[in-house]
Amino acid sequence: MCRQISDGCVSRGCGHYIQTVVVAIADCQSVQCRLSTSHNPNCRAPHCRCNQTYGPDIERTTSTKPGLCPQCQGSRLHQGLQAQ
């Protein structure tokens, strides 16, 4: 399964990674993966049953920020709690 290599920021309050940019693709070199350069070009929809999704990102932390990520802030506010 091919994977995206991304740069991003980690929120220190919750530890969540927030992707800012995809910098490259790690090619899995599998003929069973439609995203790979090794996939047979003649293997096409509707008959292609090969993998069509990326695996987990390879995350590169380029910065950190204090507090919670936006999703955690929104969740806390929705629950009526003070966002940190």
PDB file of N, CA and C in Angstrom:
ATOM      1  N   MET A   1       0.837  -1.162   0.000  1.00  0.00           N
ATOM      2  CA  MET A   1       0.000   0.000   0.000  1.00  0.00           C
ATOM      3  C   MET A   1       0.897   1.245   0.000  1.00  0.00           C
ATOM      4  N   CYS A   2       0.701   2.114  -0.967  1.00  0.00           N
ATOM      5  CA  CYS A   2       1.467   3.355  -1.027  1.00  0.00           C
ATOM      6  C   CYS A   2       1.072   4.255   0.139  1.00  0.00           C
ATOM      7  N   ARG A   3       1.992   5.147   0.510  1.00  0.00           N
ATOM      8  CA  ARG A   3       1.745   6.040   1.637  1.00  0.00           C
ATOM      9  C   ARG A   3       2.159   7.461   1.288  1.00  0.00           C
ATOM     10  N   GLN A   4       1.433   8.422   1.817  1.00  0.00           N
ATOM     11  CA  GLN A   4       1.799   9.820   1.646  1.00  0.00           C
ATOM     12  C   GLN A   4       2.792  10.210   2.738  1.00  0.00           C
ATOM     13  N   ILE A   5       3.800  10.986   2.366  1.00  0.00           N
ATOM     14  CA  ILE A   5       4.745  11.547   3.316  1.00  0.00           C
ATOM     15  C   ILE A   5       4.320  12.998   3.511  1.00  0.00           C
ATOM     16  N   SER A   6       3.967  13.350   4.752  1.00  0.00           N
ATOM     17  CA  SER A   6       3.436  14.689   4.987  1.00  0.00           C
ATOM     18  C   SER A   6       4.199  15.416   6.085  1.00  0.00           C
ATOM     19  N   ASP A   7       4.224  16.735   5.961  1.00  0.00           N
ATOM     20  CA  ASP A   7       4.736  17.609   7.011  1.00  0.00           C
ATOM     21  C   ASP A   7       3.539  18.146   7.773  1.00  0.00           C
ATOM     22  N   GLY A   8       3.726  18.373   9.070  1.00  0.00           N
ATOM     23  CA  GLY A   8       2.615  18.890   9.847  1.00  0.00           C
ATOM     24  C   GLY A   8       3.027  19.388  11.212  1.00  0.00           C
ATOM     25  N   CYS A   9       2.038  19.819  11.942  1.00  0.00           N
ATOM     26  CA  CYS A   9       2.201  20.427  13.260  1.00  0.00           C
ATOM     27  C   CYS A   9       1.556  19.533  14.308  1.00  0.00           C
ATOM     28  N   VAL A  10       2.173  19.437  15.490  1.00  0.00           N
ATOM     29  CA  VAL A  10       1.599  18.681  16.603  1.00  0.00           C
ATOM     30  C   VAL A  10       1.134  19.668  17.667  1.00  0.00           C
ATOM     31  N   SER A  11      -0.111  19.498  18.101  1.00  0.00           N
ATOM     32  CA  SER A  11      -0.651  20.312  19.197  1.00  0.00           C
ATOM     33  C   SER A  11      -0.225  19.679  20.516  1.00  0.00           C
ATOM     34  N   ARG A  12       0.464  20.442  21.339  1.00  0.00           N
ATOM     35  CA  ARG A  12       0.998  19.889  22.593  1.00  0.00           C
ATOM     36  C   ARG A  12      -0.096  19.542  23.596  1.00  0.00           C
ATOM     37  N   GLY A  13      -1.241  20.207  23.543  1.00  0.00           N
ATOM     38  CA  GLY A  13      -2.305  19.961  24.504  1.00  0.00           C
ATOM     39  C   GLY A  13      -2.979  18.608  24.344  1.00  0.00           C
ATOM     40  N   CYS A  14      -3.005  18.084  23.117  1.00  0.00           N
ATOM     41  CA  CYS A  14      -3.691  16.810  22.866  1.00  0.00           C
ATOM     42  C   CYS A  14      -2.800  15.799  22.148  1.00  0.00           C
ATOM     43  N   GLY A  15      -1.699  16.262  21.555  1.00  0.00           N
ATOM     44  CA  GLY A  15      -0.788  15.365  20.858  1.00  0.00           C
ATOM     45  C   GLY A  15      -1.200  15.022  19.443  1.00  0.00           C
ATOM     46  N   HIS A  16      -2.262  15.651  18.935  1.00  0.00           N
ATOM     47  CA  HIS A  16      -2.716  15.343  17.579  1.00  0.00           C
ATOM     48  C   HIS A  16      -1.836  16.009  16.527  1.00  0.00           C
ATOM     49  N   TYR A  17      -1.653  15.281  15.435  1.00  0.00           N
ATOM     50  CA  TYR A  17      -0.873  15.741  14.283  1.00  0.00           C
ATOM     51  C   TYR A  17      -1.833  16.369  13.279  1.00  0.00           C
ATOM     52  N   ILE A  18      -1.494  17.560  12.783  1.00  0.00           N
ATOM     53  CA  ILE A  18      -2.307  18.237  11.779  1.00  0.00           C
ATOM     54  C   ILE A  18      -1.465  18.389  10.523  1.00  0.00           C
ATOM     55  N   GLN A  19      -1.866  17.705   9.480  1.00  0.00           N
ATOM     56  CA  GLN A  19      -1.128  17.734   8.214  1.00  0.00           C
ATOM     57  C   GLN A  19      -1.228  19.115   7.588  1.00  0.00           C
ATOM     58  N   THR A  20      -0.080  19.639   7.143  1.00  0.00           N
ATOM     59  CA  THR A  20      -0.075  20.925   6.451  1.00  0.00           C
ATOM     60  C   THR A  20       0.214  20.765   4.961  1.00  0.00           C
ATOM     61  N   VAL A  21       1.010  19.753   4.596  1.00  0.00           N
ATOM     62  CA  VAL A  21       1.326  19.551   3.183  1.00  0.00           C
ATOM     63  C   VAL A  21       1.797  18.109   2.953  1.00  0.00           C
ATOM     64  N   VAL A  22       1.411  17.549   1.814  1.00  0.00           N
ATOM     65  CA  VAL A  22       1.946  16.254   1.387  1.00  0.00           C
ATOM     66  C   VAL A  22       3.169  16.563   0.536  1.00  0.00           C
ATOM     67  N   VAL A  23       4.335  16.047   0.958  1.00  0.00           N
ATOM     68  CA  VAL A  23       5.584  16.390   0.273  1.00  0.00           C
ATOM     69  C   VAL A  23       6.026  15.320  -0.725  1.00  0.00           C
ATOM     70  N   ALA A  24       5.553  14.093  -0.552  1.00  0.00           N
ATOM     71  CA  ALA A  24       5.956  13.015  -1.462  1.00  0.00           C
ATOM     72  C   ALA A  24       5.039  11.814  -1.260  1.00  0.00           C
ATOM     73  N   ILE A  25       5.180  10.852  -2.150  1.00  0.00           N
ATOM     74  CA  ILE A  25       4.465   9.584  -2.051  1.00  0.00           C
ATOM     75  C   ILE A  25       5.505   8.477  -1.954  1.00  0.00           C
ATOM     76  N   ALA A  26       5.343   7.600  -0.967  1.00  0.00           N
ATOM     77  CA  ALA A  26       6.208   6.425  -0.847  1.00  0.00           C
ATOM     78  C   ALA A  26       5.547   5.309  -1.639  1.00  0.00           C
ATOM     79  N   ASP A  27       6.146   4.930  -2.740  1.00  0.00           N
ATOM     80  CA  ASP A  27       5.606   3.907  -3.638  1.00  0.00           C
ATOM     81  C   ASP A  27       5.865   2.521  -3.059  1.00  0.00           C
ATOM     82  N   CYS A  28       4.818   1.728  -2.917  1.00  0.00           N
ATOM     83  CA  CYS A  28       4.951   0.387  -2.330  1.00  0.00           C
ATOM     84  C   CYS A  28       5.489  -0.641  -3.326  1.00  0.00           C
ATOM     85  N   GLN A  29       5.540  -0.288  -4.603  1.00  0.00           N
ATOM     86  CA  GLN A  29       6.067  -1.152  -5.658  1.00  0.00           C
ATOM     87  C   GLN A  29       5.258  -2.440  -5.827  1.00  0.00           C
ATOM     88  N   SER A  30       3.971  -2.399  -5.475  1.00  0.00           N
ATOM     89  CA  SER A  30       3.126  -3.588  -5.580  1.00  0.00           C
ATOM     90  C   SER A  30       2.271  -3.537  -6.845  1.00  0.00           C
ATOM     91  N   VAL A  31       2.234  -4.640  -7.553  1.00  0.00           N
ATOM     92  CA  VAL A  31       1.359  -4.726  -8.732  1.00  0.00           C
ATOM     93  C   VAL A  31      -0.107  -4.777  -8.307  1.00  0.00           C
ATOM     94  N   GLN A  32      -0.373  -5.041  -7.024  1.00  0.00           N
ATOM     95  CA  GLN A  32      -1.736  -5.110  -6.500  1.00  0.00           C
ATOM     96  C   GLN A  32      -2.239  -3.754  -5.979  1.00  0.00           C
ATOM     97  N   CYS A  33      -1.497  -2.682  -6.227  1.00  0.00           N
ATOM     98  CA  CYS A  33      -1.861  -1.341  -5.752  1.00  0.00           C
ATOM     99  C   CYS A  33      -2.020  -0.405  -6.951  1.00  0.00           C
ATOM    100  N   ARG A  34      -3.223   0.125  -7.140  1.00  0.00           N
ATOM    101  CA  ARG A  34      -3.477   1.029  -8.271  1.00  0.00           C
ATOM    102  C   ARG A  34      -2.683   2.321  -8.178  1.00  0.00           C
ATOM    103  N   LEU A  35      -2.238   2.699  -6.984  1.00  0.00           N
ATOM    104  CA  LEU A  35      -1.506   3.945  -6.796  1.00  0.00           C
ATOM    105  C   LEU A  35      -0.008   3.797  -7.080  1.00  0.00           C
ATOM    106  N   SER A  36       0.448   2.564  -7.240  1.00  0.00           N
ATOM    107  CA  SER A  36       1.865   2.291  -7.444  1.00  0.00           C
ATOM    108  C   SER A  36       2.254   2.404  -8.914  1.00  0.00           C
ATOM    109  N   THR A  37       3.494   2.790  -9.150  1.00  0.00           N
ATOM    110  CA  THR A  37       4.012   2.816 -10.516  1.00  0.00           C
ATOM    111  C   THR A  37       4.172   1.399 -11.073  1.00  0.00           C
ATOM    112  N   SER A  38       4.140   0.389 -10.175  1.00  0.00           N
ATOM    113  CA  SER A  38       4.272  -1.008 -10.608  1.00  0.00           C
ATOM    114  C   SER A  38       2.940  -1.638 -11.026  1.00  0.00           C
ATOM    115  N   HIS A  39       1.832  -0.921 -10.830  1.00  0.00           N
ATOM    116  CA  HIS A  39       0.516  -1.456 -11.196  1.00  0.00           C
ATOM    117  C   HIS A  39       0.397  -1.582 -12.711  1.00  0.00           C
ATOM    118  N   ASN A  40      -0.164  -2.673 -13.146  1.00  0.00           N
ATOM    119  CA  ASN A  40      -0.341  -2.936 -14.578  1.00  0.00           C
ATOM    120  C   ASN A  40      -1.311  -1.909 -15.175  1.00  0.00           C
ATOM    121  N   PRO A  41      -0.884  -1.143 -16.187  1.00  0.00           N
ATOM    122  CA  PRO A  41      -1.768  -0.131 -16.774  1.00  0.00           C
ATOM    123  C   PRO A  41      -2.997  -0.727 -17.461  1.00  0.00           C
ATOM    124  N   ASN A  42      -2.960  -2.008 -17.795  1.00  0.00           N
ATOM    125  CA  ASN A  42      -4.111  -2.662 -18.417  1.00  0.00           C
ATOM    126  C   ASN A  42      -5.138  -3.136 -17.395  1.00  0.00           C
ATOM    127  N   CYS A  43      -4.806  -3.067 -16.127  1.00  0.00           N
ATOM    128  CA  CYS A  43      -5.720  -3.447 -15.047  1.00  0.00           C
ATOM    129  C   CYS A  43      -6.544  -2.211 -14.703  1.00  0.00           C
ATOM    130  N   ARG A  44      -7.785  -2.171 -15.192  1.00  0.00           N
ATOM    131  CA  ARG A  44      -8.617  -0.973 -15.036  1.00  0.00           C
ATOM    132  C   ARG A  44     -10.016  -1.337 -14.562  1.00  0.00           C
ATOM    133  N   ALA A  45     -10.705  -0.297 -14.054  1.00  0.00           N
ATOM    134  CA  ALA A  45     -12.103  -0.464 -13.633  1.00  0.00           C
ATOM    135  C   ALA A  45     -12.919  -0.886 -14.858  1.00  0.00           C
ATOM    136  N   PRO A  46     -13.962  -1.643 -14.714  1.00  0.00           N
ATOM    137  CA  PRO A  46     -14.563  -2.092 -13.458  1.00  0.00           C
ATOM    138  C   PRO A  46     -13.979  -3.411 -12.936  1.00  0.00           C
ATOM    139  N   HIS A  47     -13.046  -4.002 -13.647  1.00  0.00           N
ATOM    140  CA  HIS A  47     -12.528  -5.322 -13.264  1.00  0.00           C
ATOM    141  C   HIS A  47     -11.366  -5.267 -12.287  1.00  0.00           C
ATOM    142  N   CYS A  48     -10.739  -4.122 -12.130  1.00  0.00           N
ATOM    143  CA  CYS A  48      -9.591  -3.994 -11.223  1.00  0.00           C
ATOM    144  C   CYS A  48     -10.056  -4.117  -9.774  1.00  0.00           C
ATOM    145  N   ARG A  49      -9.490  -5.054  -9.060  1.00  0.00           N
ATOM    146  CA  ARG A  49      -9.813  -5.265  -7.644  1.00  0.00           C
ATOM    147  C   ARG A  49      -8.619  -4.898  -6.750  1.00  0.00           C
ATOM    148  N   CYS A  50      -7.662  -4.167  -7.301  1.00  0.00           N
ATOM    149  CA  CYS A  50      -6.451  -3.798  -6.570  1.00  0.00           C
ATOM    150  C   CYS A  50      -6.734  -2.694  -5.558  1.00  0.00           C
ATOM    151  N   ASN A  51      -5.840  -2.565  -4.579  1.00  0.00           N
ATOM    152  CA  ASN A  51      -5.957  -1.525  -3.573  1.00  0.00           C
ATOM    153  C   ASN A  51      -6.005  -0.157  -4.249  1.00  0.00           C
ATOM    154  N   GLN A  52      -6.893   0.721  -3.745  1.00  0.00           N
ATOM    155  CA  GLN A  52      -7.047   2.052  -4.326  1.00  0.00           C
ATOM    156  C   GLN A  52      -6.905   3.167  -3.299  1.00  0.00           C
ATOM    157  N   THR A  53      -6.430   2.839  -2.104  1.00  0.00           N
ATOM    158  CA  THR A  53      -6.301   3.853  -1.059  1.00  0.00           C
ATOM    159  C   THR A  53      -4.875   3.875  -0.506  1.00  0.00           C
ATOM    160  N   TYR A  54      -4.499   5.033   0.015  1.00  0.00           N
ATOM    161  CA  TYR A  54      -3.195   5.168   0.651  1.00  0.00           C
ATOM    162  C   TYR A  54      -3.222   4.540   2.039  1.00  0.00           C
ATOM    163  N   GLY A  55      -2.087   4.017   2.459  1.00  0.00           N
ATOM    164  CA  GLY A  55      -1.924   3.532   3.826  1.00  0.00           C
ATOM    165  C   GLY A  55      -1.737   4.713   4.760  1.00  0.00           C
ATOM    166  N   PRO A  56      -1.445   4.451   6.034  1.00  0.00           N
ATOM    167  CA  PRO A  56      -1.247   5.544   6.986  1.00  0.00           C
ATOM    168  C   PRO A  56      -0.111   6.464   6.533  1.00  0.00           C
ATOM    169  N   ASP A  57      -0.314   7.756   6.748  1.00  0.00           N
ATOM    170  CA  ASP A  57       0.718   8.730   6.379  1.00  0.00           C
ATOM    171  C   ASP A  57       2.015   8.464   7.129  1.00  0.00           C
ATOM    172  N   ILE A  58       3.105   8.807   6.493  1.00  0.00           N
ATOM    173  CA  ILE A  58       4.393   8.905   7.161  1.00  0.00           C
ATOM    174  C   ILE A  58       4.469  10.366   7.595  1.00  0.00           C
ATOM    175  N   GLU A  59       4.300  10.597   8.894  1.00  0.00           N
ATOM    176  CA  GLU A  59       4.164  11.950   9.421  1.00  0.00           C
ATOM    177  C   GLU A  59       5.500  12.530   9.861  1.00  0.00           C
ATOM    178  N   ARG A  60       5.821  13.711   9.337  1.00  0.00           N
ATOM    179  CA  ARG A  60       7.029  14.419   9.736  1.00  0.00           C
ATOM    180  C   ARG A  60       6.606  15.692  10.472  1.00  0.00           C
ATOM    181  N   THR A  61       6.916  15.757  11.762  1.00  0.00           N
ATOM    182  CA  THR A  61       6.552  16.928  12.553  1.00  0.00           C
ATOM    183  C   THR A  61       7.535  18.058  12.259  1.00  0.00           C
ATOM    184  N   THR A  62       7.002  19.165  11.751  1.00  0.00           N
ATOM    185  CA  THR A  62       7.842  20.312  11.416  1.00  0.00           C
ATOM    186  C   THR A  62       7.713  21.429  12.439  1.00  0.00           C
ATOM    187  N   SER A  63       6.646  21.366  13.266  1.00  0.00           N
ATOM    188  CA  SER A  63       6.475  22.367  14.321  1.00  0.00           C
ATOM    189  C   SER A  63       5.503  21.836  15.376  1.00  0.00           C
ATOM    190  N   THR A  64       5.505  22.510  16.512  1.00  0.00           N
ATOM    191  CA  THR A  64       4.532  22.205  17.564  1.00  0.00           C
ATOM    192  C   THR A  64       3.851  23.503  17.946  1.00  0.00           C
ATOM    193  N   LYS A  65       2.655  23.385  18.513  1.00  0.00           N
ATOM    194  CA  LYS A  65       1.956  24.569  18.981  1.00  0.00           C
ATOM    195  C   LYS A  65       1.318  24.267  20.322  1.00  0.00           C
ATOM    196  N   PRO A  66       1.183  25.278  21.157  1.00  0.00           N
ATOM    197  CA  PRO A  66       0.570  25.047  22.465  1.00  0.00           C
ATOM    198  C   PRO A  66      -0.930  24.798  22.316  1.00  0.00           C
ATOM    199  N   GLY A  67      -1.528  24.216  23.327  1.00  0.00           N
ATOM    200  CA  GLY A  67      -2.977  24.044  23.349  1.00  0.00           C
ATOM    201  C   GLY A  67      -3.461  22.842  22.557  1.00  0.00           C
ATOM    202  N   LEU A  68      -4.760  22.845  22.337  1.00  0.00           N
ATOM    203  CA  LEU A  68      -5.426  21.746  21.644  1.00  0.00           C
ATOM    204  C   LEU A  68      -5.512  22.011  20.147  1.00  0.00           C
ATOM    205  N   CYS A  69      -5.657  20.954  19.381  1.00  0.00           N
ATOM    206  CA  CYS A  69      -5.892  21.099  17.948  1.00  0.00           C
ATOM    207  C   CYS A  69      -7.309  21.653  17.731  1.00  0.00           C
ATOM    208  N   PRO A  70      -7.617  22.181  16.561  1.00  0.00           N
ATOM    209  CA  PRO A  70      -8.947  22.742  16.315  1.00  0.00           C
ATOM    210  C   PRO A  70     -10.094  21.748  16.574  1.00  0.00           C
ATOM    211  N   GLN A  71      -9.909  20.497  16.223  1.00  0.00           N
ATOM    212  CA  GLN A  71     -10.963  19.506  16.430  1.00  0.00           C
ATOM    213  C   GLN A  71     -11.227  19.299  17.927  1.00  0.00           C
ATOM    214  N   CYS A  72     -10.174  19.192  18.722  1.00  0.00           N
ATOM    215  CA  CYS A  72     -10.343  19.013  20.168  1.00  0.00           C
ATOM    216  C   CYS A  72     -10.932  20.270  20.810  1.00  0.00           C
ATOM    217  N   GLN A  73     -10.527  21.452  20.324  1.00  0.00           N
ATOM    218  CA  GLN A  73     -11.103  22.692  20.837  1.00  0.00           C
ATOM    219  C   GLN A  73     -12.602  22.719  20.583  1.00  0.00           C
ATOM    220  N   GLY A  74     -13.003  22.359  19.366  1.00  0.00           N
ATOM    221  CA  GLY A  74     -14.426  22.333  19.021  1.00  0.00           C
ATOM    222  C   GLY A  74     -15.196  21.317  19.841  1.00  0.00           C
ATOM    223  N   SER A  75     -14.598  20.171  20.080  1.00  0.00           N
ATOM    224  CA  SER A  75     -15.240  19.125  20.874  1.00  0.00           C
ATOM    225  C   SER A  75     -15.458  19.588  22.307  1.00  0.00           C
ATOM    226  N   ARG A  76     -14.446  20.232  22.870  1.00  0.00           N
ATOM    227  CA  ARG A  76     -14.567  20.724  24.248  1.00  0.00           C
ATOM    228  C   ARG A  76     -15.636  21.813  24.344  1.00  0.00           C
ATOM    229  N   LEU A  77     -15.685  22.706  23.366  1.00  0.00           N
ATOM    230  CA  LEU A  77     -16.690  23.764  23.376  1.00  0.00           C
ATOM    231  C   LEU A  77     -18.096  23.177  23.229  1.00  0.00           C
ATOM    232  N   HIS A  78     -18.223  22.157  22.383  1.00  0.00           N
ATOM    233  CA  HIS A  78     -19.509  21.482  22.181  1.00  0.00           C
ATOM    234  C   HIS A  78     -19.975  20.830  23.479  1.00  0.00           C
ATOM    235  N   GLN A  79     -19.035  20.326  24.277  1.00  0.00           N
ATOM    236  CA  GLN A  79     -19.365  19.692  25.551  1.00  0.00           C
ATOM    237  C   GLN A  79     -19.562  20.712  26.665  1.00  0.00           C
ATOM    238  N   GLY A  80     -19.393  22.000  26.340  1.00  0.00           N
ATOM    239  CA  GLY A  80     -19.575  23.050  27.331  1.00  0.00           C
ATOM    240  C   GLY A  80     -18.376  23.222  28.253  1.00  0.00           C
ATOM    241  N   LEU A  81     -17.220  22.739  27.820  1.00  0.00           N
ATOM    242  CA  LEU A  81     -15.996  22.852  28.622  1.00  0.00           C
ATOM    243  C   LEU A  81     -15.144  23.990  28.082  1.00  0.00           C
ATOM    244  N   GLN A  82     -14.295  24.504  28.918  1.00  0.00           N
ATOM    245  CA  GLN A  82     -13.367  25.567  28.530  1.00  0.00           C
ATOM    246  C   GLN A  82     -12.290  24.990  27.616  1.00  0.00           C
ATOM    247  N   ALA A  83     -12.073  25.586  26.447  1.00  0.00           N
ATOM    248  CA  ALA A  83     -10.981  25.159  25.555  1.00  0.00           C
ATOM    249  C   ALA A  83      -9.663  25.616  26.147  1.00  0.00           C
ATOM    250  N   GLN A  84      -8.639  24.801  26.024  1.00  0.00           N
ATOM    251  CA  GLN A  84      -7.326  25.147  26.570  1.00  0.00           C
ATOM    252  C   GLN A  84      -6.498  25.845  25.530  1.00  0.00           C
TER     253      GLN A  84
END
